[in-house]
Protein backbone atom coordinates (compact mmCIF):
# COMPACT_ATOMS: atom_id res chain seq x y z
CA MET A 1 -23.40 7.51 -1.59
CA ARG A 2 -20.82 9.93 -3.07
CA LYS A 3 -17.88 8.22 -4.60
CA ARG A 4 -14.49 9.87 -4.76
CA SER A 5 -13.41 10.49 -8.39
CA LYS A 6 -10.36 8.59 -9.49
CA ALA A 7 -7.17 10.47 -10.36
CA PRO A 8 -6.24 10.08 -14.04
CA PRO A 9 -3.43 7.53 -14.57
CA LYS A 10 0.07 8.89 -14.72
CA PRO A 11 1.49 9.14 -18.26
CA ALA A 12 4.19 6.65 -19.14
CA PRO A 13 7.74 8.02 -19.12
CA PRO A 14 9.03 8.87 -22.57
CA GLU A 15 11.10 6.28 -24.41
CA PRO A 16 14.78 7.22 -24.79
CA ARG A 17 15.98 8.02 -28.31
CA ILE A 18 18.00 5.26 -29.95
CA ASN A 19 20.22 4.97 -33.07
CA GLU A 20 19.22 7.23 -35.88
CA ARG A 21 16.61 8.91 -33.67
CA ILE A 22 19.48 10.64 -31.89
CA ARG A 23 19.74 13.90 -33.86
CA VAL A 24 22.57 15.69 -32.04
CA PRO A 25 25.91 15.99 -33.87
CA GLU A 26 28.02 14.32 -31.14
CA VAL A 27 27.54 12.36 -27.90
CA ARG A 28 29.61 11.42 -24.82
CA LEU A 29 29.87 7.70 -25.41
CA ILE A 30 29.84 4.88 -22.83
CA ASP A 31 30.60 1.32 -23.95
CA GLU A 32 28.79 -1.96 -22.98
CA GLU A 33 31.03 -2.36 -19.93
CA GLY A 34 30.23 1.02 -18.64
CA GLN A 35 33.62 2.55 -19.56
CA GLN A 36 33.91 6.12 -20.88
CA VAL A 37 34.88 6.22 -24.54
CA GLY A 38 34.75 10.01 -24.82
CA VAL A 39 33.00 12.52 -27.06
CA VAL A 40 32.45 11.16 -30.53
CA ARG A 41 30.36 12.03 -33.57
CA THR A 42 26.92 10.49 -33.30
CA ILE A 43 27.22 8.91 -36.73
CA GLU A 44 30.49 7.21 -35.64
CA ALA A 45 28.82 5.99 -32.41
CA ILE A 46 25.93 4.52 -34.42
CA GLY A 47 28.42 2.77 -36.70
CA MET A 48 30.25 1.35 -33.63
CA ALA A 49 26.96 0.02 -32.29
CA ARG A 50 26.14 -1.75 -35.55
CA GLN A 51 29.59 -3.34 -35.68
CA ARG A 52 29.04 -4.76 -32.21
CA GLY A 53 25.44 -5.83 -32.82
CA VAL A 54 23.96 -3.52 -30.21
CA ASP A 55 22.13 -0.17 -30.00
CA LEU A 56 23.19 3.44 -29.29
CA VAL A 57 20.90 4.61 -26.50
CA GLU A 58 20.60 8.19 -25.31
CA VAL A 59 20.66 7.95 -21.52
CA ALA A 60 21.13 11.63 -20.48
CA ALA A 61 19.51 13.87 -23.03
CA GLN A 62 20.04 17.05 -20.98
CA ALA A 63 23.82 16.72 -20.63
CA ASN A 64 26.13 18.78 -22.92
CA PRO A 65 26.82 16.85 -25.00
CA PRO A 66 24.15 14.19 -24.40
CA VAL A 67 25.32 10.96 -22.90
CA ALA A 68 24.73 7.76 -24.99
CA ARG A 69 25.45 4.14 -24.22
CA LEU A 70 26.08 1.01 -26.24
CA MET A 71 23.64 -1.68 -25.15
CA ASP A 72 21.17 -4.38 -26.39
CA TYR A 73 18.09 -2.16 -25.93
CA GLY A 74 15.61 -4.96 -26.54
CA ARG A 75 17.21 -7.07 -23.82
CA TYR A 76 17.41 -4.07 -21.51
CA LYS A 77 13.67 -3.39 -21.91
CA TYR A 78 12.85 -7.05 -21.27
CA GLU A 79 15.01 -7.11 -18.08
CA GLN A 80 13.41 -3.88 -16.81
CA SER A 81 9.87 -5.32 -17.48
CA LYS A 82 10.86 -8.52 -15.64
CA LYS A 83 12.00 -6.53 -12.60
CA GLU A 84 8.78 -4.48 -12.54
CA ARG A 85 6.72 -7.66 -12.64
CA GLU A 86 8.72 -9.14 -9.80
CA ALA A 87 8.37 -5.95 -7.77
CA LYS A 88 4.60 -5.97 -8.24
CA LYS A 89 4.42 -9.58 -7.07
CA HIS A 90 6.07 -8.54 -3.78
CA GLN A 91 4.02 -5.47 -3.25
CA ALA A 92 1.37 -5.73 -0.62
CA ASN A 93 -2.21 -5.31 -1.83
CA VAL A 94 -3.27 -2.87 0.86
CA GLN A 95 -7.08 -2.46 1.28
CA LEU A 96 -9.13 -0.39 3.62
CA ARG A 97 -11.32 -2.66 5.63
CA GLU A 98 -14.06 -1.69 8.09
CA VAL A 99 -14.80 -2.84 11.62
CA ARG A 100 -18.17 -1.61 12.98
CA MET A 101 -19.57 -1.28 16.44
CA LYS A 102 -22.38 0.40 18.35
CA PRO A 103 -22.28 2.72 21.43
CA LYS A 104 -23.93 0.11 23.65
CA ILE A 105 -21.45 -2.67 22.70
CA ASP A 106 -20.55 -4.98 25.64
CA GLU A 107 -17.03 -5.71 26.90
CA HIS A 108 -16.74 -9.10 25.12
CA ASP A 109 -17.64 -7.59 21.79
CA ILE A 110 -15.24 -4.66 22.20
CA ASP A 111 -12.45 -7.19 22.73
CA PHE A 112 -13.60 -9.22 19.75
CA LYS A 113 -13.77 -6.20 17.43
CA THR A 114 -10.31 -5.04 18.58
CA ARG A 115 -8.83 -8.47 17.91
CA THR A 116 -10.45 -8.49 14.47
CA ALA A 117 -8.94 -5.09 13.71
CA ALA A 118 -5.57 -6.43 14.96
CA LYS A 119 -5.68 -9.40 12.58
CA LEU A 120 -6.53 -7.08 9.62
CA LEU A 121 -3.61 -4.75 10.55
CA LYS A 122 -1.18 -7.68 10.91
CA GLN A 123 -2.07 -8.95 7.40
CA GLY A 124 -1.23 -5.48 6.02
CA ASP A 125 -4.64 -3.85 5.57
CA LYS A 126 -5.74 -0.45 6.85
CA VAL A 127 -8.68 -0.49 9.13
CA LYS A 128 -11.64 2.00 9.32
CA VAL A 129 -13.19 1.67 12.83
CA THR A 130 -16.75 2.94 12.79
CA VAL A 131 -19.15 3.59 15.73
CA MET A 132 -22.79 3.62 14.40
CA PHE A 133 -25.32 5.71 16.27
CA ARG A 134 -29.09 5.15 16.19
CA GLY A 135 -31.90 7.50 17.23
CA ARG A 136 -30.98 9.63 20.25
CA GLU A 137 -27.59 7.90 20.65
CA ILE A 138 -26.25 10.62 18.39
CA THR A 139 -26.72 13.21 21.24
CA HIS A 140 -23.86 11.40 23.12
CA PRO A 141 -20.93 11.40 20.67
CA GLN A 142 -18.48 11.22 23.57
CA ILE A 143 -19.43 7.59 24.02
CA GLY A 144 -18.33 6.82 20.47
CA LYS A 145 -15.14 8.78 20.90
CA GLY A 146 -14.39 6.87 24.06
CA LEU A 147 -14.78 3.63 22.24
CA LEU A 148 -12.57 4.69 19.38
CA ASP A 149 -9.86 5.98 21.79
CA ARG A 150 -10.00 2.65 23.54
CA VAL A 151 -9.43 0.74 20.37
CA VAL A 152 -6.51 3.00 19.33
CA SER A 153 -4.87 2.52 22.78
CA SER A 154 -5.31 -1.30 22.49
CA LEU A 155 -3.68 -1.41 19.09
CA GLY A 156 -0.88 1.16 19.70
CA ASP A 157 1.71 -1.55 19.56
CA ILE A 158 0.92 -2.46 15.94
CA ALA A 159 -0.93 0.51 14.42
CA ILE A 160 -0.49 4.13 13.30
CA LEU A 161 -3.43 6.56 13.68
CA GLU A 162 -3.77 7.70 10.09
CA ARG A 163 -6.95 9.77 10.54
CA ASP A 164 -8.36 10.85 13.90
CA ALA A 165 -11.96 10.32 14.84
CA ILE A 166 -14.52 12.43 12.90
CA LEU A 167 -18.31 12.43 13.01
CA GLU A 168 -19.87 11.78 9.63
CA GLY A 169 -23.69 11.81 9.83
CA ARG A 170 -24.62 9.09 12.34
CA HIS A 171 -21.20 7.44 12.14
CA MET A 172 -17.97 8.30 13.98
CA THR A 173 -14.90 6.91 12.27
CA LEU A 174 -11.12 6.78 12.33
CA ILE A 175 -8.52 5.10 10.20
CA LEU A 176 -5.61 2.97 11.38
CA ALA A 177 -2.63 1.86 9.28
CA PRO A 178 -0.33 -1.04 10.12
CA ASP A 179 2.95 -0.08 11.64
CA ARG A 180 5.02 -2.64 9.81
CA LYS A 181 8.20 -2.04 11.94
CA LYS A 182 6.29 -2.58 15.19
CA ILE A 183 4.53 -5.62 13.84
CA ALA A 184 7.85 -7.16 12.72
CA ALA A 185 9.44 -6.34 16.03
CA LEU A 186 6.52 -7.87 17.85
CA ALA A 187 6.76 -11.03 15.80
CA ARG A 188 10.48 -11.28 16.44
CA ALA A 189 9.97 -10.88 20.18
CA LYS A 190 7.32 -13.60 20.23
CA ALA A 191 9.59 -15.91 18.21
CA ALA A 192 12.45 -15.28 20.59
CA ALA A 193 10.20 -16.02 23.57
CA ALA A 194 9.19 -19.26 21.92
CA GLY A 195 12.73 -20.36 21.43
CA GLY A 196 13.22 -19.23 17.87
CA THR A 197 10.06 -20.59 16.35
CA ALA A 198 7.20 -18.35 15.41
CA PRO A 199 4.32 -19.04 17.80
CA VAL A 200 0.75 -19.33 16.85
CA ASP A 201 -0.97 -16.10 17.81
CA GLU A 202 -3.56 -16.96 20.34
CA GLU A 203 -5.57 -13.93 19.40
CA GLU A 204 -6.12 -15.16 15.87
CA ASP A 205 -8.72 -17.81 16.65
CA ALA A 206 -11.17 -19.17 14.12
CA ASP A 207 -13.92 -16.65 15.01
CA VAL A 208 -11.62 -13.67 14.65
CA ALA A 209 -10.20 -15.00 11.39
CA ALA A 210 -13.65 -15.42 10.02
CA ALA A 211 -14.72 -11.91 11.11
CA ALA A 212 -11.54 -10.43 9.55
CA ALA A 213 -12.25 -12.25 6.29
CA ALA A 214 -15.80 -10.90 6.28
CA ALA A 215 -14.80 -7.33 7.11
CA PRO A 216 -16.00 -5.09 4.15
CA VAL A 217 -13.59 -3.33 1.84
CA VAL A 218 -14.55 0.35 1.80
CA GLY A 219 -13.32 3.78 0.53
CA GLU A 220 -12.18 6.41 2.98
CA ASP A 221 -15.34 8.49 2.20
CA GLU A 222 -17.81 5.64 2.72
CA THR A 223 -19.73 5.44 5.96
CA GLY A 224 -21.48 2.11 5.70
CA ASP A 225 -24.89 3.72 5.24
CA ASP A 226 -25.96 0.89 2.95
CA VAL A 227 -25.71 -1.76 5.78
CA ASP A 228 -29.09 -3.20 6.83
CA GLU A 229 -29.75 -2.81 10.53
CA ASP A 230 -30.54 -6.54 10.90
CA ASP A 231 -27.14 -7.27 9.38
CA GLU A 232 -25.55 -4.92 11.93
CA ASP A 233 -27.25 -6.81 14.76
CA GLU A 234 -25.92 -10.15 13.41
CA ALA A 235 -22.42 -8.73 13.13
CA GLU A 236 -22.55 -7.46 16.72
CA THR A 237 -23.44 -11.00 18.02
CA ALA A 238 -20.88 -12.75 15.89
């Protein structure tokens, strides 16, 4: 299976120059309260910073003259690091999960697979929906396309079609992404209908929750070729 090469990590932004590392003869100075002091000699600004127990930090190197500010740089870096950690805590860990079906799937299983995809979308994951062809089934790709179109139509109130259906070997796939605004609006509407309390989603029963938890995490260029046919049969009868 071909794996997509990872992009090299982005380089960290350069640190601003502080105190004696500021080599220009003069700077436009801003004090600790954000007030303009004016254009002063850099050596004088450094002396002012030392008197006040803070640092002189260059905040706009491209200006003429460069803009520098009096601040506790160590505390500033700590606060920035703290904000970044908090932001990461609240970021959704979006994964690409896969829901698989076969062209000869029955009505009950189509509904089950669709509800499983819906649960994955509502919890913030993207969903790769795959129709797996066997033998001569591949001569009727329109059946797979019809199944995928049906899933897209059923999930239109919570999903965005990120990648339309394409045939990859013996697999036809598409990718759905959660539409967070629609999902939030749907939740608000259900809560309003329930008198202000968030109702339990009837679609998210124990079997659907288990199937969603077991849905494999994949890459966008993976087609599930490593899945054993017996495992596929068990999945279809779940």
